Amino acid sequence: SFSGLVNSFIFSGSSAVVSSHWYVETLSTEKITTKFFEYFIKNNINAAKSLRNSINDLRKNYSKYDHPIFWGAFSITINQRI
Protein backbone atom coordinates (compact mmCIF):
# COMPACT_ATOMS: atom_id res chain seq x y z
CA SER A 1 0.00 0.00 0.00
CA PHE A 2 0.98 3.63 -0.38
CA SER A 3 1.43 4.29 3.33
CA GLY A 4 3.29 1.00 3.75
CA LEU A 5 5.89 1.98 1.18
CA VAL A 6 6.39 5.44 2.67
CA ASN A 7 6.57 3.97 6.16
CA SER A 8 9.22 1.50 5.01
CA PHE A 9 11.47 4.38 4.01
CA ILE A 10 10.74 6.30 7.22
CA PHE A 11 11.39 3.27 9.44
CA SER A 12 14.63 2.65 7.51
CA GLY A 13 15.88 6.06 8.58
CA SER A 14 14.98 8.39 5.72
CA SER A 15 14.57 11.93 6.94
CA ALA A 16 11.80 12.63 4.40
CA VAL A 17 9.95 10.89 1.59
CA VAL A 18 8.37 12.64 -1.40
CA SER A 19 5.68 10.48 -2.97
CA SER A 20 2.62 10.71 -5.18
CA HIS A 21 -0.88 9.50 -4.43
CA TRP A 22 -1.75 8.68 -8.04
CA TYR A 23 -0.08 8.24 -11.41
CA VAL A 24 1.15 11.57 -12.71
CA GLU A 25 2.13 12.83 -16.12
CA THR A 26 5.81 12.23 -16.88
CA LEU A 27 7.00 15.67 -18.04
CA SER A 28 5.41 17.60 -15.18
CA THR A 29 6.87 15.08 -12.71
CA GLU A 30 10.30 15.50 -14.25
CA LYS A 31 10.08 19.27 -13.88
CA ILE A 32 8.89 19.03 -10.27
CA THR A 33 11.53 16.54 -9.17
CA THR A 34 14.37 18.32 -10.97
CA LYS A 35 13.48 21.62 -9.33
CA PHE A 36 12.89 19.90 -5.98
CA PHE A 37 16.46 18.59 -5.89
CA GLU A 38 17.80 21.94 -7.10
CA TYR A 39 16.14 23.68 -4.17
CA PHE A 40 16.93 20.91 -1.69
CA ILE A 41 20.57 20.17 -2.55
CA LYS A 42 21.93 23.21 -4.38
CA ASN A 43 20.07 25.85 -2.38
CA ASN A 44 19.95 23.97 0.94
CA ILE A 45 16.22 24.56 1.43
CA ASN A 46 14.30 22.07 3.60
CA ALA A 47 12.36 19.30 1.88
CA ALA A 48 8.86 20.66 2.48
CA LYS A 49 9.70 24.13 1.16
CA SER A 50 11.61 22.61 -1.75
CA LEU A 51 8.54 20.63 -2.81
CA ARG A 52 6.26 23.65 -2.43
CA ASN A 53 8.68 25.86 -4.39
CA SER A 54 9.07 23.33 -7.19
CA ILE A 55 5.30 22.98 -7.58
CA ASN A 56 4.87 26.76 -7.56
CA ASP A 57 7.59 27.07 -10.22
CA LEU A 58 5.83 24.51 -12.41
CA ARG A 59 2.52 26.34 -12.16
CA LYS A 60 4.09 29.74 -12.74
CA ASN A 61 6.34 28.80 -15.67
CA TYR A 62 4.19 26.24 -17.48
CA SER A 63 0.54 27.28 -17.67
CA LYS A 64 -0.44 23.96 -19.25
CA TYR A 65 0.46 22.31 -15.91
CA ASP A 66 -1.60 24.65 -13.74
CA HIS A 67 -4.32 22.04 -13.13
CA PRO A 68 -3.92 20.06 -9.86
CA ILE A 69 -3.90 16.77 -11.77
CA PHE A 70 -0.24 17.53 -12.62
CA TRP A 71 1.01 18.47 -9.15
CA GLY A 72 -1.68 17.72 -6.56
CA ALA A 73 -0.61 14.09 -6.15
CA PHE A 74 2.68 14.96 -4.49
CA SER A 75 3.15 14.97 -0.75
CA ILE A 76 6.01 14.85 1.66
CA THR A 77 6.31 12.79 4.81
CA ILE A 78 8.84 14.05 7.34
CA ASN A 79 10.46 11.64 9.78
CA GLN A 80 9.85 13.18 13.20
CA ARG A 81 11.97 10.54 14.96
CA ILE A 82 15.29 11.79 13.54
PDB file of N, CA and C in Angstrom:
ATOM      1  N   SER A   1       0.831  -1.192   0.000  1.00  0.00           N
ATOM      2  CA  SER A   1       0.000   0.000   0.000  1.00  0.00           C
ATOM      3  C   SER A   1       0.874   1.254   0.000  1.00  0.00           C
ATOM      4  N   PHE A   2       0.256   2.354  -0.319  1.00  0.00           N
ATOM      5  CA  PHE A   2       0.979   3.626  -0.377  1.00  0.00           C
ATOM      6  C   PHE A   2       1.633   3.941   0.957  1.00  0.00           C
ATOM      7  N   SER A   3       0.868   3.927   2.026  1.00  0.00           N
ATOM      8  CA  SER A   3       1.429   4.286   3.330  1.00  0.00           C
ATOM      9  C   SER A   3       2.470   3.274   3.780  1.00  0.00           C
ATOM     10  N   GLY A   4       2.306   2.016   3.398  1.00  0.00           N
ATOM     11  CA  GLY A   4       3.289   1.000   3.752  1.00  0.00           C
ATOM     12  C   GLY A   4       4.632   1.258   3.113  1.00  0.00           C
ATOM     13  N   LEU A   5       4.637   1.689   1.868  1.00  0.00           N
ATOM     14  CA  LEU A   5       5.886   1.982   1.181  1.00  0.00           C
ATOM     15  C   LEU A   5       6.575   3.194   1.799  1.00  0.00           C
ATOM     16  N   VAL A   6       5.833   4.243   2.033  1.00  0.00           N
ATOM     17  CA  VAL A   6       6.388   5.438   2.669  1.00  0.00           C
ATOM     18  C   VAL A   6       6.917   5.094   4.053  1.00  0.00           C
ATOM     19  N   ASN A   7       6.134   4.353   4.821  1.00  0.00           N
ATOM     20  CA  ASN A   7       6.568   3.969   6.165  1.00  0.00           C
ATOM     21  C   ASN A   7       7.842   3.135   6.133  1.00  0.00           C
ATOM     22  N   SER A   8       7.996   2.300   5.123  1.00  0.00           N
ATOM     23  CA  SER A   8       9.217   1.499   5.007  1.00  0.00           C
ATOM     24  C   SER A   8      10.446   2.391   4.909  1.00  0.00           C
ATOM     25  N   PHE A   9      10.347   3.450   4.129  1.00  0.00           N
ATOM     26  CA  PHE A   9      11.472   4.380   4.013  1.00  0.00           C
ATOM     27  C   PHE A   9      11.704   5.134   5.321  1.00  0.00           C
ATOM     28  N   ILE A  10      10.629   5.566   5.957  1.00  0.00           N
ATOM     29  CA  ILE A  10      10.744   6.299   7.217  1.00  0.00           C
ATOM     30  C   ILE A  10      11.356   5.404   8.294  1.00  0.00           C
ATOM     31  N   PHE A  11      10.862   4.188   8.425  1.00  0.00           N
ATOM     32  CA  PHE A  11      11.392   3.266   9.435  1.00  0.00           C
ATOM     33  C   PHE A  11      12.831   2.870   9.153  1.00  0.00           C
ATOM     34  N   SER A  12      13.239   2.972   7.879  1.00  0.00           N
ATOM     35  CA  SER A  12      14.628   2.649   7.511  1.00  0.00           C
ATOM     36  C   SER A  12      15.576   3.810   7.772  1.00  0.00           C
ATOM     37  N   GLY A  13      15.036   4.939   8.207  1.00  0.00           N
ATOM     38  CA  GLY A  13      15.884   6.058   8.584  1.00  0.00           C
ATOM     39  C   GLY A  13      15.881   7.244   7.643  1.00  0.00           C
ATOM     40  N   SER A  14      15.061   7.230   6.608  1.00  0.00           N
ATOM     41  CA  SER A  14      14.981   8.389   5.720  1.00  0.00           C
ATOM     42  C   SER A  14      14.467   9.591   6.497  1.00  0.00           C
ATOM     43  N   SER A  15      15.026  10.736   6.238  1.00  0.00           N
ATOM     44  CA  SER A  15      14.574  11.929   6.936  1.00  0.00           C
ATOM     45  C   SER A  15      13.269  12.466   6.352  1.00  0.00           C
ATOM     46  N   ALA A  16      13.033  12.196   5.061  1.00  0.00           N
ATOM     47  CA  ALA A  16      11.803  12.633   4.401  1.00  0.00           C
ATOM     48  C   ALA A  16      11.578  11.784   3.157  1.00  0.00           C
ATOM     49  N   VAL A  17      10.310  11.649   2.787  1.00  0.00           N
ATOM     50  CA  VAL A  17       9.950  10.895   1.586  1.00  0.00           C
ATOM     51  C   VAL A  17       8.961  11.731   0.785  1.00  0.00           C
ATOM     52  N   VAL A  18       9.292  11.999  -0.473  1.00  0.00           N
ATOM     53  CA  VAL A  18       8.369  12.642  -1.397  1.00  0.00           C
ATOM     54  C   VAL A  18       7.716  11.523  -2.197  1.00  0.00           C
ATOM     55  N   SER A  19       6.402  11.538  -2.259  1.00  0.00           N
ATOM     56  CA  SER A  19       5.683  10.484  -2.967  1.00  0.00           C
ATOM     57  C   SER A  19       4.466  11.083  -3.669  1.00  0.00           C
ATOM     58  N   SER A  20       3.845  10.258  -4.518  1.00  0.00           N
ATOM     59  CA  SER A  20       2.621  10.707  -5.183  1.00  0.00           C
ATOM     60  C   SER A  20       1.490   9.753  -4.828  1.00  0.00           C
ATOM     61  N   HIS A  21       0.293  10.275  -4.803  1.00  0.00           N
ATOM     62  CA  HIS A  21      -0.883   9.501  -4.430  1.00  0.00           C
ATOM     63  C   HIS A  21      -1.574   8.866  -5.626  1.00  0.00           C
ATOM     64  N   TRP A  22      -1.199   9.282  -6.834  1.00  0.00           N
ATOM     65  CA  TRP A  22      -1.754   8.685  -8.041  1.00  0.00           C
ATOM     66  C   TRP A  22      -0.729   8.826  -9.152  1.00  0.00           C
ATOM     67  N   TYR A  23      -0.973   8.126 -10.257  1.00  0.00           N
ATOM     68  CA  TYR A  23      -0.085   8.236 -11.405  1.00  0.00           C
ATOM     69  C   TYR A  23      -0.113   9.660 -11.918  1.00  0.00           C
ATOM     70  N   VAL A  24       1.062  10.188 -12.221  1.00  0.00           N
ATOM     71  CA  VAL A  24       1.153  11.565 -12.707  1.00  0.00           C
ATOM     72  C   VAL A  24       1.839  11.598 -14.063  1.00  0.00           C
ATOM     73  N   GLU A  25       1.573  12.640 -14.791  1.00  0.00           N
ATOM     74  CA  GLU A  25       2.128  12.828 -16.121  1.00  0.00           C
ATOM     75  C   GLU A  25       3.651  12.964 -16.029  1.00  0.00           C
ATOM     76  N   THR A  26       4.369  12.367 -16.949  1.00  0.00           N
ATOM     77  CA  THR A  26       5.814  12.233 -16.882  1.00  0.00           C
ATOM     78  C   THR A  26       6.559  13.566 -16.937  1.00  0.00           C
ATOM     79  N   LEU A  27       6.230  14.426 -17.881  1.00  0.00           N
ATOM     80  CA  LEU A  27       7.001  15.673 -18.042  1.00  0.00           C
ATOM     81  C   LEU A  27       6.824  16.625 -16.866  1.00  0.00           C
ATOM     82  N   SER A  28       5.607  16.725 -16.343  1.00  0.00           N
ATOM     83  CA  SER A  28       5.409  17.598 -15.178  1.00  0.00           C
ATOM     84  C   SER A  28       6.141  17.030 -13.962  1.00  0.00           C
ATOM     85  N   THR A  29       6.147  15.711 -13.817  1.00  0.00           N
ATOM     86  CA  THR A  29       6.865  15.075 -12.706  1.00  0.00           C
ATOM     87  C   THR A  29       8.361  15.321 -12.820  1.00  0.00           C
ATOM     88  N   GLU A  30       8.874  15.230 -14.033  1.00  0.00           N
ATOM     89  CA  GLU A  30      10.303  15.500 -14.247  1.00  0.00           C
ATOM     90  C   GLU A  30      10.653  16.930 -13.839  1.00  0.00           C
ATOM     91  N   LYS A  31       9.820  17.868 -14.217  1.00  0.00           N
ATOM     92  CA  LYS A  31      10.078  19.274 -13.882  1.00  0.00           C
ATOM     93  C   LYS A  31      10.007  19.494 -12.363  1.00  0.00           C
ATOM     94  N   ILE A  32       9.028  18.882 -11.717  1.00  0.00           N
ATOM     95  CA  ILE A  32       8.889  19.031 -10.265  1.00  0.00           C
ATOM     96  C   ILE A  32      10.080  18.424  -9.543  1.00  0.00           C
ATOM     97  N   THR A  33      10.448  17.206  -9.899  1.00  0.00           N
ATOM     98  CA  THR A  33      11.533  16.541  -9.169  1.00  0.00           C
ATOM     99  C   THR A  33      12.886  17.192  -9.438  1.00  0.00           C
ATOM    100  N   THR A  34      13.114  17.633 -10.660  1.00  0.00           N
ATOM    101  CA  THR A  34      14.374  18.315 -10.971  1.00  0.00           C
ATOM    102  C   THR A  34      14.517  19.586 -10.144  1.00  0.00           C
ATOM    103  N   LYS A  35      13.451  20.388 -10.118  1.00  0.00           N
ATOM    104  CA  LYS A  35      13.481  21.624  -9.330  1.00  0.00           C
ATOM    105  C   LYS A  35      13.547  21.329  -7.838  1.00  0.00           C
ATOM    106  N   PHE A  36      12.853  20.275  -7.392  1.00  0.00           N
ATOM    107  CA  PHE A  36      12.894  19.896  -5.985  1.00  0.00           C
ATOM    108  C   PHE A  36      14.337  19.683  -5.536  1.00  0.00           C
ATOM    109  N   PHE A  37      15.079  18.875  -6.282  1.00  0.00           N
ATOM    110  CA  PHE A  37      16.457  18.592  -5.890  1.00  0.00           C
ATOM    111  C   PHE A  37      17.360  19.811  -6.047  1.00  0.00           C
ATOM    112  N   GLU A  38      17.042  20.689  -6.976  1.00  0.00           N
ATOM    113  CA  GLU A  38      17.804  21.937  -7.099  1.00  0.00           C
ATOM    114  C   GLU A  38      17.626  22.779  -5.841  1.00  0.00           C
ATOM    115  N   TYR A  39      16.390  22.933  -5.401  1.00  0.00           N
ATOM    116  CA  TYR A  39      16.139  23.679  -4.166  1.00  0.00           C
ATOM    117  C   TYR A  39      16.747  22.975  -2.956  1.00  0.00           C
ATOM    118  N   PHE A  40      16.530  21.670  -2.863  1.00  0.00           N
ATOM    119  CA  PHE A  40      16.933  20.912  -1.685  1.00  0.00           C
ATOM    120  C   PHE A  40      18.451  20.785  -1.565  1.00  0.00           C
ATOM    121  N   ILE A  41      19.126  20.421  -2.618  1.00  0.00           N
ATOM    122  CA  ILE A  41      20.569  20.169  -2.551  1.00  0.00           C
ATOM    123  C   ILE A  41      21.381  21.420  -2.860  1.00  0.00           C
ATOM    124  N   LYS A  42      21.112  22.053  -3.987  1.00  0.00           N
ATOM    125  CA  LYS A  42      21.933  23.207  -4.383  1.00  0.00           C
ATOM    126  C   LYS A  42      21.686  24.428  -3.513  1.00  0.00           C
ATOM    127  N   ASN A  43      20.422  24.638  -3.139  1.00  0.00           N
ATOM    128  CA  ASN A  43      20.074  25.847  -2.381  1.00  0.00           C
ATOM    129  C   ASN A  43      19.888  25.600  -0.895  1.00  0.00           C
ATOM    130  N   ASN A  44      20.020  24.329  -0.473  1.00  0.00           N
ATOM    131  CA  ASN A  44      19.951  23.966   0.939  1.00  0.00           C
ATOM    132  C   ASN A  44      18.645  24.427   1.608  1.00  0.00           C
ATOM    133  N   ILE A  45      17.544  24.235   0.906  1.00  0.00           N
ATOM    134  CA  ILE A  45      16.222  24.565   1.432  1.00  0.00           C
ATOM    135  C   ILE A  45      15.602  23.263   1.940  1.00  0.00           C
ATOM    136  N   ASN A  46      14.865  23.308   3.053  1.00  0.00           N
ATOM    137  CA  ASN A  46      14.301  22.069   3.604  1.00  0.00           C
ATOM    138  C   ASN A  46      13.356  21.403   2.608  1.00  0.00           C
ATOM    139  N   ALA A  47      13.093  20.119   2.836  1.00  0.00           N
ATOM    140  CA  ALA A  47      12.360  19.300   1.876  1.00  0.00           C
ATOM    141  C   ALA A  47      10.942  19.810   1.618  1.00  0.00           C
ATOM    142  N   ALA A  48      10.234  20.196   2.651  1.00  0.00           N
ATOM    143  CA  ALA A  48       8.858  20.658   2.477  1.00  0.00           C
ATOM    144  C   ALA A  48       8.801  21.940   1.640  1.00  0.00           C
ATOM    145  N   LYS A  49       9.665  22.889   1.935  1.00  0.00           N
ATOM    146  CA  LYS A  49       9.701  24.130   1.163  1.00  0.00           C
ATOM    147  C   LYS A  49      10.193  23.875  -0.254  1.00  0.00           C
ATOM    148  N   SER A  50      11.114  22.938  -0.411  1.00  0.00           N
ATOM    149  CA  SER A  50      11.610  22.605  -1.747  1.00  0.00           C
ATOM    150  C   SER A  50      10.492  22.048  -2.620  1.00  0.00           C
ATOM    151  N   LEU A  51       9.665  21.175  -2.050  1.00  0.00           N
ATOM    152  CA  LEU A  51       8.539  20.632  -2.811  1.00  0.00           C
ATOM    153  C   LEU A  51       7.545  21.738  -3.154  1.00  0.00           C
ATOM    154  N   ARG A  52       7.201  22.550  -2.176  1.00  0.00           N
ATOM    155  CA  ARG A  52       6.264  23.655  -2.431  1.00  0.00           C
ATOM    156  C   ARG A  52       6.801  24.595  -3.511  1.00  0.00           C
ATOM    157  N   ASN A  53       8.083  24.962  -3.410  1.00  0.00           N
ATOM    158  CA  ASN A  53       8.680  25.865  -4.394  1.00  0.00           C
ATOM    159  C   ASN A  53       8.705  25.248  -5.786  1.00  0.00           C
ATOM    160  N   SER A  54       9.004  23.961  -5.870  1.00  0.00           N
ATOM    161  CA  SER A  54       9.073  23.326  -7.187  1.00  0.00           C
ATOM    162  C   SER A  54       7.691  23.238  -7.835  1.00  0.00           C
ATOM    163  N   ILE A  55       6.663  22.987  -7.046  1.00  0.00           N
ATOM    164  CA  ILE A  55       5.298  22.978  -7.585  1.00  0.00           C
ATOM    165  C   ILE A  55       4.885  24.381  -8.005  1.00  0.00           C
ATOM    166  N   ASN A  56       5.195  25.378  -7.192  1.00  0.00           N
ATOM    167  CA  ASN A  56       4.873  26.765  -7.559  1.00  0.00           C
ATOM    168  C   ASN A  56       5.593  27.179  -8.832  1.00  0.00           C
ATOM    169  N   ASP A  57       6.849  26.768  -8.990  1.00  0.00           N
ATOM    170  CA  ASP A  57       7.588  27.071 -10.223  1.00  0.00           C
ATOM    171  C   ASP A  57       6.918  26.446 -11.437  1.00  0.00           C
ATOM    172  N   LEU A  58       6.501  25.196 -11.311  1.00  0.00           N
ATOM    173  CA  LEU A  58       5.828  24.512 -12.408  1.00  0.00           C
ATOM    174  C   LEU A  58       4.583  25.286 -12.825  1.00  0.00           C
ATOM    175  N   ARG A  59       3.767  25.642 -11.868  1.00  0.00           N
ATOM    176  CA  ARG A  59       2.518  26.344 -12.159  1.00  0.00           C
ATOM    177  C   ARG A  59       2.758  27.728 -12.745  1.00  0.00           C
ATOM    178  N   LYS A  60       3.786  28.391 -12.267  1.00  0.00           N
ATOM    179  CA  LYS A  60       4.092  29.743 -12.743  1.00  0.00           C
ATOM    180  C   LYS A  60       4.690  29.736 -14.154  1.00  0.00           C
ATOM    181  N   ASN A  61       5.582  28.795 -14.420  1.00  0.00           N
ATOM    182  CA  ASN A  61       6.341  28.804 -15.670  1.00  0.00           C
ATOM    183  C   ASN A  61       5.737  27.973 -16.793  1.00  0.00           C
ATOM    184  N   TYR A  62       4.794  27.111 -16.469  1.00  0.00           N
ATOM    185  CA  TYR A  62       4.189  26.235 -17.482  1.00  0.00           C
ATOM    186  C   TYR A  62       2.679  26.222 -17.263  1.00  0.00           C
ATOM    187  N   SER A  63       1.978  27.133 -17.911  1.00  0.00           N
ATOM    188  CA  SER A  63       0.541  27.278 -17.672  1.00  0.00           C
ATOM    189  C   SER A  63      -0.241  26.014 -18.010  1.00  0.00           C
ATOM    190  N   LYS A  64       0.288  25.187 -18.918  1.00  0.00           N
ATOM    191  CA  LYS A  64      -0.443  23.956 -19.247  1.00  0.00           C
ATOM    192  C   LYS A  64      -0.447  22.963 -18.091  1.00  0.00           C
ATOM    193  N   TYR A  65       0.409  23.180 -17.086  1.00  0.00           N
ATOM    194  CA  TYR A  65       0.463  22.309 -15.913  1.00  0.00           C
ATOM    195  C   TYR A  65      -0.176  22.941 -14.682  1.00  0.00           C
ATOM    196  N   ASP A  66      -0.996  23.951 -14.877  1.00  0.00           N
ATOM    197  CA  ASP A  66      -1.601  24.650 -13.742  1.00  0.00           C
ATOM    198  C   ASP A  66      -2.666  23.803 -13.029  1.00  0.00           C
ATOM    199  N   HIS A  67      -3.274  22.867 -13.721  1.00  0.00           N
ATOM    200  CA  HIS A  67      -4.323  22.037 -13.128  1.00  0.00           C
ATOM    201  C   HIS A  67      -3.731  21.103 -12.064  1.00  0.00           C
ATOM    202  N   PRO A  68      -4.428  20.908 -10.953  1.00  0.00           N
ATOM    203  CA  PRO A  68      -3.922  20.057  -9.861  1.00  0.00           C
ATOM    204  C   PRO A  68      -3.633  18.611 -10.249  1.00  0.00           C
ATOM    205  N   ILE A  69      -4.178  18.142 -11.350  1.00  0.00           N
ATOM    206  CA  ILE A  69      -3.899  16.768 -11.769  1.00  0.00           C
ATOM    207  C   ILE A  69      -2.405  16.552 -11.996  1.00  0.00           C
ATOM    208  N   PHE A  70      -1.665  17.627 -12.322  1.00  0.00           N
ATOM    209  CA  PHE A  70      -0.240  17.528 -12.620  1.00  0.00           C
ATOM    210  C   PHE A  70       0.648  17.640 -11.386  1.00  0.00           C
ATOM    211  N   TRP A  71       0.153  18.237 -10.320  1.00  0.00           N
ATOM    212  CA  TRP A  71       1.006  18.469  -9.146  1.00  0.00           C
ATOM    213  C   TRP A  71       0.344  18.119  -7.817  1.00  0.00           C
ATOM    214  N   GLY A  72      -0.959  17.956  -7.808  1.00  0.00           N
ATOM    215  CA  GLY A  72      -1.680  17.720  -6.559  1.00  0.00           C
ATOM    216  C   GLY A  72      -1.420  16.366  -5.923  1.00  0.00           C
ATOM    217  N   ALA A  73      -0.854  15.433  -6.672  1.00  0.00           N
ATOM    218  CA  ALA A  73      -0.614  14.086  -6.147  1.00  0.00           C
ATOM    219  C   ALA A  73       0.565  14.030  -5.183  1.00  0.00           C
ATOM    220  N   PHE A  74       1.437  15.019  -5.246  1.00  0.00           N
ATOM    221  CA  PHE A  74       2.683  14.957  -4.486  1.00  0.00           C
ATOM    222  C   PHE A  74       2.493  15.375  -3.034  1.00  0.00           C
ATOM    223  N   SER A  75       3.138  14.629  -2.167  1.00  0.00           N
ATOM    224  CA  SER A  75       3.147  14.971  -0.750  1.00  0.00           C
ATOM    225  C   SER A  75       4.509  14.620  -0.184  1.00  0.00           C
ATOM    226  N   ILE A  76       4.760  15.141   0.981  1.00  0.00           N
ATOM    227  CA  ILE A  76       6.010  14.853   1.655  1.00  0.00           C
ATOM    228  C   ILE A  76       5.703  14.352   3.055  1.00  0.00           C
ATOM    229  N   THR A  77       6.411  13.325   3.466  1.00  0.00           N
ATOM    230  CA  THR A  77       6.311  12.788   4.814  1.00  0.00           C
ATOM    231  C   THR A  77       7.652  13.020   5.488  1.00  0.00           C
ATOM    232  N   ILE A  78       7.631  13.723   6.604  1.00  0.00           N
ATOM    233  CA  ILE A  78       8.841  14.053   7.340  1.00  0.00           C
ATOM    234  C   ILE A  78       8.992  13.075   8.504  1.00  0.00           C
ATOM    235  N   ASN A  79      10.177  12.538   8.674  1.00  0.00           N
ATOM    236  CA  ASN A  79      10.461  11.635   9.781  1.00  0.00           C
ATOM    237  C   ASN A  79      10.701  12.454  11.043  1.00  0.00           C
ATOM    238  N   GLN A  80       9.761  12.402  11.959  1.00  0.00           N
ATOM    239  CA  GLN A  80       9.854  13.182  13.202  1.00  0.00           C
ATOM    240  C   GLN A  80      10.757  12.520  14.235  1.00  0.00           C
ATOM    241  N   ARG A  81      11.159  11.281  13.986  1.00  0.00           N
ATOM    242  CA  ARG A  81      11.973  10.541  14.957  1.00  0.00           C
ATOM    243  C   ARG A  81      13.457  10.829  14.808  1.00  0.00           C
ATOM    244  N   ILE A  82      13.851  11.521  13.756  1.00  0.00           N
ATOM    245  CA  ILE A  82      15.289  11.791  13.543  1.00  0.00           C
ATOM    246  C   ILE A  82      15.660  13.068  14.258  1.00  0.00           C
TER     247      ILE A  82
END
